[in-house]
Amino acid sequence: IELVCDRHASNNCSSPSLADIVAA
């Protein structure tokens, strides 16, 4: 979990749409 969250940090979407959430 920590590895994946660290990899996502630079691509974190601050105001995600439903499509963004499904993709994440």
mmCIF file of all heavy atoms, coordinates in Angstrom:
data_MODEL
# 
_entry.id   MODEL 
# 
loop_
_atom_site.group_PDB 
_atom_site.id 
_atom_site.type_symbol 
_atom_site.label_atom_id 
_atom_site.label_alt_id 
_atom_site.label_comp_id 
_atom_site.label_asym_id 
_atom_site.label_entity_id 
_atom_site.label_seq_id 
_atom_site.pdbx_PDB_ins_code 
_atom_site.Cartn_x 
_atom_site.Cartn_y 
_atom_site.Cartn_z 
_atom_site.occupancy 
_atom_site.B_iso_or_equiv 
_atom_site.pdbx_formal_charge 
_atom_site.auth_seq_id 
_atom_site.auth_comp_id 
_atom_site.auth_asym_id 
_atom_site.auth_atom_id 
_atom_site.pdbx_PDB_model_num 
ATOM 1   N N   . ILE A 1 1  ? 0.836   -1.206 0.000   1.00 0.00 ? 1  ILE A N   1 
ATOM 2   C CA  . ILE A 1 1  ? 0.000   0.000  0.000   1.00 0.00 ? 1  ILE A CA  1 
ATOM 3   C C   . ILE A 1 1  ? 0.870   1.254  0.000   1.00 0.00 ? 1  ILE A C   1 
ATOM 4   O O   . ILE A 1 1  ? 0.622   2.198  -0.757  1.00 0.00 ? 1  ILE A O   1 
ATOM 5   C CB  . ILE A 1 1  ? -0.945  -0.009 1.219   1.00 0.00 ? 1  ILE A CB  1 
ATOM 6   C CG1 . ILE A 1 1  ? -1.906  -1.192 1.137   1.00 0.00 ? 1  ILE A CG1 1 
ATOM 7   C CG2 . ILE A 1 1  ? -1.723  1.309  1.308   1.00 0.00 ? 1  ILE A CG2 1 
ATOM 8   C CD1 . ILE A 1 1  ? -2.664  -1.459 2.426   1.00 0.00 ? 1  ILE A CD1 1 
ATOM 9   N N   . GLU A 1 2  ? 1.905   1.260  0.835   1.00 0.00 ? 2  GLU A N   1 
ATOM 10  C CA  . GLU A 1 2  ? 2.768   2.440  0.918   1.00 0.00 ? 2  GLU A CA  1 
ATOM 11  C C   . GLU A 1 2  ? 3.494   2.691  -0.396  1.00 0.00 ? 2  GLU A C   1 
ATOM 12  O O   . GLU A 1 2  ? 3.583   3.843  -0.859  1.00 0.00 ? 2  GLU A O   1 
ATOM 13  C CB  . GLU A 1 2  ? 3.781   2.270  2.050   1.00 0.00 ? 2  GLU A CB  1 
ATOM 14  C CG  . GLU A 1 2  ? 4.641   3.505  2.274   1.00 0.00 ? 2  GLU A CG  1 
ATOM 15  C CD  . GLU A 1 2  ? 5.511   3.405  3.508   1.00 0.00 ? 2  GLU A CD  1 
ATOM 16  O OE1 . GLU A 1 2  ? 5.695   2.287  4.029   1.00 0.00 ? 2  GLU A OE1 1 
ATOM 17  O OE2 . GLU A 1 2  ? 6.009   4.460  3.959   1.00 0.00 ? 2  GLU A OE2 1 
ATOM 18  N N   . LEU A 1 3  ? 3.980   1.638  -1.025  1.00 0.00 ? 3  LEU A N   1 
ATOM 19  C CA  . LEU A 1 3  ? 4.660   1.784  -2.309  1.00 0.00 ? 3  LEU A CA  1 
ATOM 20  C C   . LEU A 1 3  ? 3.737   2.403  -3.362  1.00 0.00 ? 3  LEU A C   1 
ATOM 21  O O   . LEU A 1 3  ? 4.122   3.317  -4.103  1.00 0.00 ? 3  LEU A O   1 
ATOM 22  C CB  . LEU A 1 3  ? 5.157   0.422  -2.800  1.00 0.00 ? 3  LEU A CB  1 
ATOM 23  C CG  . LEU A 1 3  ? 6.437   -0.119 -2.164  1.00 0.00 ? 3  LEU A CG  1 
ATOM 24  C CD1 . LEU A 1 3  ? 6.650   -1.578 -2.564  1.00 0.00 ? 3  LEU A CD1 1 
ATOM 25  C CD2 . LEU A 1 3  ? 7.644   0.715  -2.573  1.00 0.00 ? 3  LEU A CD2 1 
ATOM 26  N N   . VAL A 1 4  ? 2.502   1.924  -3.410  1.00 0.00 ? 4  VAL A N   1 
ATOM 27  C CA  . VAL A 1 4  ? 1.556   2.410  -4.417  1.00 0.00 ? 4  VAL A CA  1 
ATOM 28  C C   . VAL A 1 4  ? 1.149   3.857  -4.137  1.00 0.00 ? 4  VAL A C   1 
ATOM 29  O O   . VAL A 1 4  ? 1.076   4.689  -5.056  1.00 0.00 ? 4  VAL A O   1 
ATOM 30  C CB  . VAL A 1 4  ? 0.326   1.486  -4.483  1.00 0.00 ? 4  VAL A CB  1 
ATOM 31  C CG1 . VAL A 1 4  ? -0.755  2.067  -5.388  1.00 0.00 ? 4  VAL A CG1 1 
ATOM 32  C CG2 . VAL A 1 4  ? 0.740   0.101  -4.984  1.00 0.00 ? 4  VAL A CG2 1 
ATOM 33  N N   . CYS A 1 5  ? 0.885   4.177  -2.883  1.00 0.00 ? 5  CYS A N   1 
ATOM 34  C CA  . CYS A 1 5  ? 0.523   5.564  -2.538  1.00 0.00 ? 5  CYS A CA  1 
ATOM 35  C C   . CYS A 1 5  ? 1.677   6.521  -2.847  1.00 0.00 ? 5  CYS A C   1 
ATOM 36  O O   . CYS A 1 5  ? 1.445   7.638  -3.334  1.00 0.00 ? 5  CYS A O   1 
ATOM 37  C CB  . CYS A 1 5  ? 0.120   5.651  -1.068  1.00 0.00 ? 5  CYS A CB  1 
ATOM 38  S SG  . CYS A 1 5  ? -1.498  4.917  -0.693  1.00 0.00 ? 5  CYS A SG  1 
ATOM 39  N N   . ASP A 1 6  ? 2.898   6.097  -2.574  1.00 0.00 ? 6  ASP A N   1 
ATOM 40  C CA  . ASP A 1 6  ? 4.059   6.936  -2.888  1.00 0.00 ? 6  ASP A CA  1 
ATOM 41  C C   . ASP A 1 6  ? 4.162   7.191  -4.393  1.00 0.00 ? 6  ASP A C   1 
ATOM 42  O O   . ASP A 1 6  ? 4.471   8.310  -4.830  1.00 0.00 ? 6  ASP A O   1 
ATOM 43  C CB  . ASP A 1 6  ? 5.341   6.273  -2.386  1.00 0.00 ? 6  ASP A CB  1 
ATOM 44  C CG  . ASP A 1 6  ? 5.506   6.367  -0.873  1.00 0.00 ? 6  ASP A CG  1 
ATOM 45  O OD1 . ASP A 1 6  ? 4.751   7.141  -0.246  1.00 0.00 ? 6  ASP A OD1 1 
ATOM 46  O OD2 . ASP A 1 6  ? 6.365   5.648  -0.324  1.00 0.00 ? 6  ASP A OD2 1 
ATOM 47  N N   . ARG A 1 7  ? 3.889   6.160  -5.191  1.00 0.00 ? 7  ARG A N   1 
ATOM 48  C CA  . ARG A 1 7  ? 3.957   6.308  -6.646  1.00 0.00 ? 7  ARG A CA  1 
ATOM 49  C C   . ARG A 1 7  ? 2.861   7.229  -7.183  1.00 0.00 ? 7  ARG A C   1 
ATOM 50  O O   . ARG A 1 7  ? 3.017   7.855  -8.230  1.00 0.00 ? 7  ARG A O   1 
ATOM 51  C CB  . ARG A 1 7  ? 3.861   4.932  -7.313  1.00 0.00 ? 7  ARG A CB  1 
ATOM 52  C CG  . ARG A 1 7  ? 5.086   4.054  -7.090  1.00 0.00 ? 7  ARG A CG  1 
ATOM 53  C CD  . ARG A 1 7  ? 4.870   2.631  -7.594  1.00 0.00 ? 7  ARG A CD  1 
ATOM 54  N NE  . ARG A 1 7  ? 5.998   1.772  -7.243  1.00 0.00 ? 7  ARG A NE  1 
ATOM 55  C CZ  . ARG A 1 7  ? 6.030   0.459  -7.448  1.00 0.00 ? 7  ARG A CZ  1 
ATOM 56  N NH1 . ARG A 1 7  ? 5.002   -0.149 -8.026  1.00 0.00 ? 7  ARG A NH1 1 
ATOM 57  N NH2 . ARG A 1 7  ? 7.083   -0.245 -7.092  1.00 0.00 ? 7  ARG A NH2 1 
ATOM 58  N N   . HIS A 1 8  ? 1.751   7.313  -6.458  1.00 0.00 ? 8  HIS A N   1 
ATOM 59  C CA  . HIS A 1 8  ? 0.625   8.137  -6.912  1.00 0.00 ? 8  HIS A CA  1 
ATOM 60  C C   . HIS A 1 8  ? 0.771   9.607  -6.508  1.00 0.00 ? 8  HIS A C   1 
ATOM 61  O O   . HIS A 1 8  ? 0.091   10.470 -7.070  1.00 0.00 ? 8  HIS A O   1 
ATOM 62  C CB  . HIS A 1 8  ? -0.684  7.576  -6.348  1.00 0.00 ? 8  HIS A CB  1 
ATOM 63  C CG  . HIS A 1 8  ? -1.910  8.300  -6.817  1.00 0.00 ? 8  HIS A CG  1 
ATOM 64  N ND1 . HIS A 1 8  ? -2.320  8.302  -8.130  1.00 0.00 ? 8  HIS A ND1 1 
ATOM 65  C CD2 . HIS A 1 8  ? -2.815  9.080  -6.145  1.00 0.00 ? 8  HIS A CD2 1 
ATOM 66  C CE1 . HIS A 1 8  ? -3.423  9.022  -8.249  1.00 0.00 ? 8  HIS A CE1 1 
ATOM 67  N NE2 . HIS A 1 8  ? -3.742  9.511  -7.074  1.00 0.00 ? 8  HIS A NE2 1 
ATOM 68  N N   . ALA A 1 9  ? 1.639   9.889  -5.543  1.00 0.00 ? 9  ALA A N   1 
ATOM 69  C CA  . ALA A 1 9  ? 1.692   11.229 -4.941  1.00 0.00 ? 9  ALA A CA  1 
ATOM 70  C C   . ALA A 1 9  ? 1.846   12.341 -5.976  1.00 0.00 ? 9  ALA A C   1 
ATOM 71  O O   . ALA A 1 9  ? 1.182   13.380 -5.882  1.00 0.00 ? 9  ALA A O   1 
ATOM 72  C CB  . ALA A 1 9  ? 2.832   11.289 -3.924  1.00 0.00 ? 9  ALA A CB  1 
ATOM 73  N N   . SER A 1 10 ? 2.686   12.129 -6.975  1.00 0.00 ? 10 SER A N   1 
ATOM 74  C CA  . SER A 1 10 ? 2.924   13.193 -7.960  1.00 0.00 ? 10 SER A CA  1 
ATOM 75  C C   . SER A 1 10 ? 1.775   13.339 -8.951  1.00 0.00 ? 10 SER A C   1 
ATOM 76  O O   . SER A 1 10 ? 1.698   14.342 -9.669  1.00 0.00 ? 10 SER A O   1 
ATOM 77  C CB  . SER A 1 10 ? 4.224   12.915 -8.730  1.00 0.00 ? 10 SER A CB  1 
ATOM 78  O OG  . SER A 1 10 ? 4.144   11.677 -9.407  1.00 0.00 ? 10 SER A OG  1 
ATOM 79  N N   . ASN A 1 11 ? 0.858   12.353 -8.985  1.00 0.00 ? 11 ASN A N   1 
ATOM 80  C CA  . ASN A 1 11 ? -0.271  12.393 -9.924  1.00 0.00 ? 11 ASN A CA  1 
ATOM 81  C C   . ASN A 1 11 ? -1.610  12.547 -9.215  1.00 0.00 ? 11 ASN A C   1 
ATOM 82  O O   . ASN A 1 11 ? -2.659  12.370 -9.848  1.00 0.00 ? 11 ASN A O   1 
ATOM 83  C CB  . ASN A 1 11 ? -0.289  11.114 -10.771 1.00 0.00 ? 11 ASN A CB  1 
ATOM 84  C CG  . ASN A 1 11 ? 0.942   10.977 -11.637 1.00 0.00 ? 11 ASN A CG  1 
ATOM 85  O OD1 . ASN A 1 11 ? 1.308   11.904 -12.342 1.00 0.00 ? 11 ASN A OD1 1 
ATOM 86  N ND2 . ASN A 1 11 ? 1.594   9.825  -11.577 1.00 0.00 ? 11 ASN A ND2 1 
ATOM 87  N N   . ASN A 1 12 ? -1.569  12.872 -7.917  1.00 0.00 ? 12 ASN A N   1 
ATOM 88  C CA  . ASN A 1 12 ? -2.807  12.988 -7.157  1.00 0.00 ? 12 ASN A CA  1 
ATOM 89  C C   . ASN A 1 12 ? -3.699  14.085 -7.747  1.00 0.00 ? 12 ASN A C   1 
ATOM 90  O O   . ASN A 1 12 ? -3.256  15.223 -7.935  1.00 0.00 ? 12 ASN A O   1 
ATOM 91  C CB  . ASN A 1 12 ? -2.500  13.294 -5.688  1.00 0.00 ? 12 ASN A CB  1 
ATOM 92  C CG  . ASN A 1 12 ? -3.742  13.260 -4.817  1.00 0.00 ? 12 ASN A CG  1 
ATOM 93  O OD1 . ASN A 1 12 ? -4.751  12.641 -5.174  1.00 0.00 ? 12 ASN A OD1 1 
ATOM 94  N ND2 . ASN A 1 12 ? -3.678  13.917 -3.670  1.00 0.00 ? 12 ASN A ND2 1 
ATOM 95  N N   . CYS A 1 13 ? -4.945  13.722 -8.044  1.00 0.00 ? 13 CYS A N   1 
ATOM 96  C CA  . CYS A 1 13 ? -5.912  14.661 -8.631  1.00 0.00 ? 13 CYS A CA  1 
ATOM 97  C C   . CYS A 1 13 ? -6.695  15.316 -7.500  1.00 0.00 ? 13 CYS A C   1 
ATOM 98  O O   . CYS A 1 13 ? -7.405  14.636 -6.757  1.00 0.00 ? 13 CYS A O   1 
ATOM 99  C CB  . CYS A 1 13 ? -6.839  13.916 -9.580  1.00 0.00 ? 13 CYS A CB  1 
ATOM 100 S SG  . CYS A 1 13 ? -8.093  14.943 -10.347 1.00 0.00 ? 13 CYS A SG  1 
ATOM 101 N N   . SER A 1 14 ? -6.578  16.625 -7.332  1.00 0.00 ? 14 SER A N   1 
ATOM 102 C CA  . SER A 1 14 ? -7.152  17.307 -6.165  1.00 0.00 ? 14 SER A CA  1 
ATOM 103 C C   . SER A 1 14 ? -8.669  17.343 -6.171  1.00 0.00 ? 14 SER A C   1 
ATOM 104 O O   . SER A 1 14 ? -9.296  17.320 -5.109  1.00 0.00 ? 14 SER A O   1 
ATOM 105 C CB  . SER A 1 14 ? -6.594  18.728 -6.057  1.00 0.00 ? 14 SER A CB  1 
ATOM 106 O OG  . SER A 1 14 ? -6.913  19.464 -7.227  1.00 0.00 ? 14 SER A OG  1 
ATOM 107 N N   . SER A 1 15 ? -9.292  17.405 -7.344  1.00 0.00 ? 15 SER A N   1 
ATOM 108 C CA  . SER A 1 15 ? -10.762 17.438 -7.447  1.00 0.00 ? 15 SER A CA  1 
ATOM 109 C C   . SER A 1 15 ? -11.203 16.386 -8.457  1.00 0.00 ? 15 SER A C   1 
ATOM 110 O O   . SER A 1 15 ? -11.578 16.704 -9.589  1.00 0.00 ? 15 SER A O   1 
ATOM 111 C CB  . SER A 1 15 ? -11.241 18.831 -7.872  1.00 0.00 ? 15 SER A CB  1 
ATOM 112 O OG  . SER A 1 15 ? -10.872 19.812 -6.931  1.00 0.00 ? 15 SER A OG  1 
ATOM 113 N N   . PRO A 1 16 ? -11.176 15.113 -8.058  1.00 0.00 ? 16 PRO A N   1 
ATOM 114 C CA  . PRO A 1 16 ? -11.401 14.052 -9.029  1.00 0.00 ? 16 PRO A CA  1 
ATOM 115 C C   . PRO A 1 16 ? -12.863 13.929 -9.463  1.00 0.00 ? 16 PRO A C   1 
ATOM 116 O O   . PRO A 1 16 ? -13.786 14.124 -8.676  1.00 0.00 ? 16 PRO A O   1 
ATOM 117 C CB  . PRO A 1 16 ? -10.965 12.792 -8.274  1.00 0.00 ? 16 PRO A CB  1 
ATOM 118 C CG  . PRO A 1 16 ? -11.200 13.131 -6.831  1.00 0.00 ? 16 PRO A CG  1 
ATOM 119 C CD  . PRO A 1 16 ? -10.884 14.590 -6.714  1.00 0.00 ? 16 PRO A CD  1 
ATOM 120 N N   . SER A 1 17 ? -13.059 13.595 -10.726 1.00 0.00 ? 17 SER A N   1 
ATOM 121 C CA  . SER A 1 17 ? -14.372 13.216 -11.236 1.00 0.00 ? 17 SER A CA  1 
ATOM 122 C C   . SER A 1 17 ? -14.568 11.733 -10.983 1.00 0.00 ? 17 SER A C   1 
ATOM 123 O O   . SER A 1 17 ? -13.647 11.027 -10.531 1.00 0.00 ? 17 SER A O   1 
ATOM 124 C CB  . SER A 1 17 ? -14.441 13.488 -12.738 1.00 0.00 ? 17 SER A CB  1 
ATOM 125 O OG  . SER A 1 17 ? -13.525 12.645 -13.433 1.00 0.00 ? 17 SER A OG  1 
ATOM 126 N N   . LEU A 1 18 ? -15.770 11.227 -11.280 1.00 0.00 ? 18 LEU A N   1 
ATOM 127 C CA  . LEU A 1 18 ? -16.008 9.791  -11.140 1.00 0.00 ? 18 LEU A CA  1 
ATOM 128 C C   . LEU A 1 18 ? -15.058 9.010  -12.036 1.00 0.00 ? 18 LEU A C   1 
ATOM 129 O O   . LEU A 1 18 ? -14.505 7.972  -11.618 1.00 0.00 ? 18 LEU A O   1 
ATOM 130 C CB  . LEU A 1 18 ? -17.464 9.468  -11.486 1.00 0.00 ? 18 LEU A CB  1 
ATOM 131 C CG  . LEU A 1 18 ? -17.864 7.992  -11.399 1.00 0.00 ? 18 LEU A CG  1 
ATOM 132 C CD1 . LEU A 1 18 ? -17.611 7.439  -10.004 1.00 0.00 ? 18 LEU A CD1 1 
ATOM 133 C CD2 . LEU A 1 18 ? -19.325 7.810  -11.799 1.00 0.00 ? 18 LEU A CD2 1 
ATOM 134 N N   . ALA A 1 19 ? -14.828 9.497  -13.240 1.00 0.00 ? 19 ALA A N   1 
ATOM 135 C CA  . ALA A 1 19 ? -13.902 8.824  -14.152 1.00 0.00 ? 19 ALA A CA  1 
ATOM 136 C C   . ALA A 1 19 ? -12.488 8.793  -13.581 1.00 0.00 ? 19 ALA A C   1 
ATOM 137 O O   . ALA A 1 19 ? -11.767 7.785  -13.708 1.00 0.00 ? 19 ALA A O   1 
ATOM 138 C CB  . ALA A 1 19 ? -13.903 9.520  -15.515 1.00 0.00 ? 19 ALA A CB  1 
ATOM 139 N N   . ASP A 1 20 ? -12.067 9.894  -12.928 1.00 0.00 ? 20 ASP A N   1 
ATOM 140 C CA  . ASP A 1 20 ? -10.737 9.939  -12.306 1.00 0.00 ? 20 ASP A CA  1 
ATOM 141 C C   . ASP A 1 20 ? -10.630 8.902  -11.188 1.00 0.00 ? 20 ASP A C   1 
ATOM 142 O O   . ASP A 1 20 ? -9.600  8.225  -11.036 1.00 0.00 ? 20 ASP A O   1 
ATOM 143 C CB  . ASP A 1 20 ? -10.469 11.325 -11.718 1.00 0.00 ? 20 ASP A CB  1 
ATOM 144 C CG  . ASP A 1 20 ? -10.354 12.411 -12.776 1.00 0.00 ? 20 ASP A CG  1 
ATOM 145 O OD1 . ASP A 1 20 ? -9.898  12.102 -13.893 1.00 0.00 ? 20 ASP A OD1 1 
ATOM 146 O OD2 . ASP A 1 20 ? -10.732 13.564 -12.476 1.00 0.00 ? 20 ASP A OD2 1 
ATOM 147 N N   . ILE A 1 21 ? -11.691 8.775  -10.392 1.00 0.00 ? 21 ILE A N   1 
ATOM 148 C CA  . ILE A 1 21 ? -11.688 7.830  -9.277  1.00 0.00 ? 21 ILE A CA  1 
ATOM 149 C C   . ILE A 1 21 ? -11.630 6.399  -9.784  1.00 0.00 ? 21 ILE A C   1 
ATOM 150 O O   . ILE A 1 21 ? -10.858 5.568  -9.279  1.00 0.00 ? 21 ILE A O   1 
ATOM 151 C CB  . ILE A 1 21 ? -12.929 8.059  -8.389  1.00 0.00 ? 21 ILE A CB  1 
ATOM 152 C CG1 . ILE A 1 21 ? -12.786 9.378  -7.634  1.00 0.00 ? 21 ILE A CG1 1 
ATOM 153 C CG2 . ILE A 1 21 ? -13.126 6.898  -7.406  1.00 0.00 ? 21 ILE A CG2 1 
ATOM 154 C CD1 . ILE A 1 21 ? -14.053 9.849  -6.953  1.00 0.00 ? 21 ILE A CD1 1 
ATOM 155 N N   . VAL A 1 22 ? -12.424 6.097  -10.801 1.00 0.00 ? 22 VAL A N   1 
ATOM 156 C CA  . VAL A 1 22 ? -12.416 4.749  -11.382 1.00 0.00 ? 22 VAL A CA  1 
ATOM 157 C C   . VAL A 1 22 ? -11.047 4.431  -11.971 1.00 0.00 ? 22 VAL A C   1 
ATOM 158 O O   . VAL A 1 22 ? -10.520 3.323  -11.793 1.00 0.00 ? 22 VAL A O   1 
ATOM 159 C CB  . VAL A 1 22 ? -13.530 4.616  -12.442 1.00 0.00 ? 22 VAL A CB  1 
ATOM 160 C CG1 . VAL A 1 22 ? -13.393 3.307  -13.211 1.00 0.00 ? 22 VAL A CG1 1 
ATOM 161 C CG2 . VAL A 1 22 ? -14.906 4.712  -11.784 1.00 0.00 ? 22 VAL A CG2 1 
ATOM 162 N N   . ALA A 1 23 ? -10.439 5.399  -12.647 1.00 0.00 ? 23 ALA A N   1 
ATOM 163 C CA  . ALA A 1 23 ? -9.113  5.186  -13.237 1.00 0.00 ? 23 ALA A CA  1 
ATOM 164 C C   . ALA A 1 23 ? -8.055  4.987  -12.156 1.00 0.00 ? 23 ALA A C   1 
ATOM 165 O O   . ALA A 1 23 ? -7.173  4.121  -12.284 1.00 0.00 ? 23 ALA A O   1 
ATOM 166 C CB  . ALA A 1 23 ? -8.742  6.375  -14.129 1.00 0.00 ? 23 ALA A CB  1 
ATOM 167 N N   . ALA A 1 24 ? -8.121  5.789  -11.085 1.00 0.00 ? 24 ALA A N   1 
ATOM 168 C CA  . ALA A 1 24 ? -7.166  5.660  -9.985  1.00 0.00 ? 24 ALA A CA  1 
ATOM 169 C C   . ALA A 1 24 ? -7.301  4.305  -9.305  1.00 0.00 ? 24 ALA A C   1 
ATOM 170 O O   . ALA A 1 24 ? -6.298  3.663  -8.943  1.00 0.00 ? 24 ALA A O   1 
ATOM 171 C CB  . ALA A 1 24 ? -7.376  6.787  -8.972  1.00 0.00 ? 24 ALA A CB  1 
# 
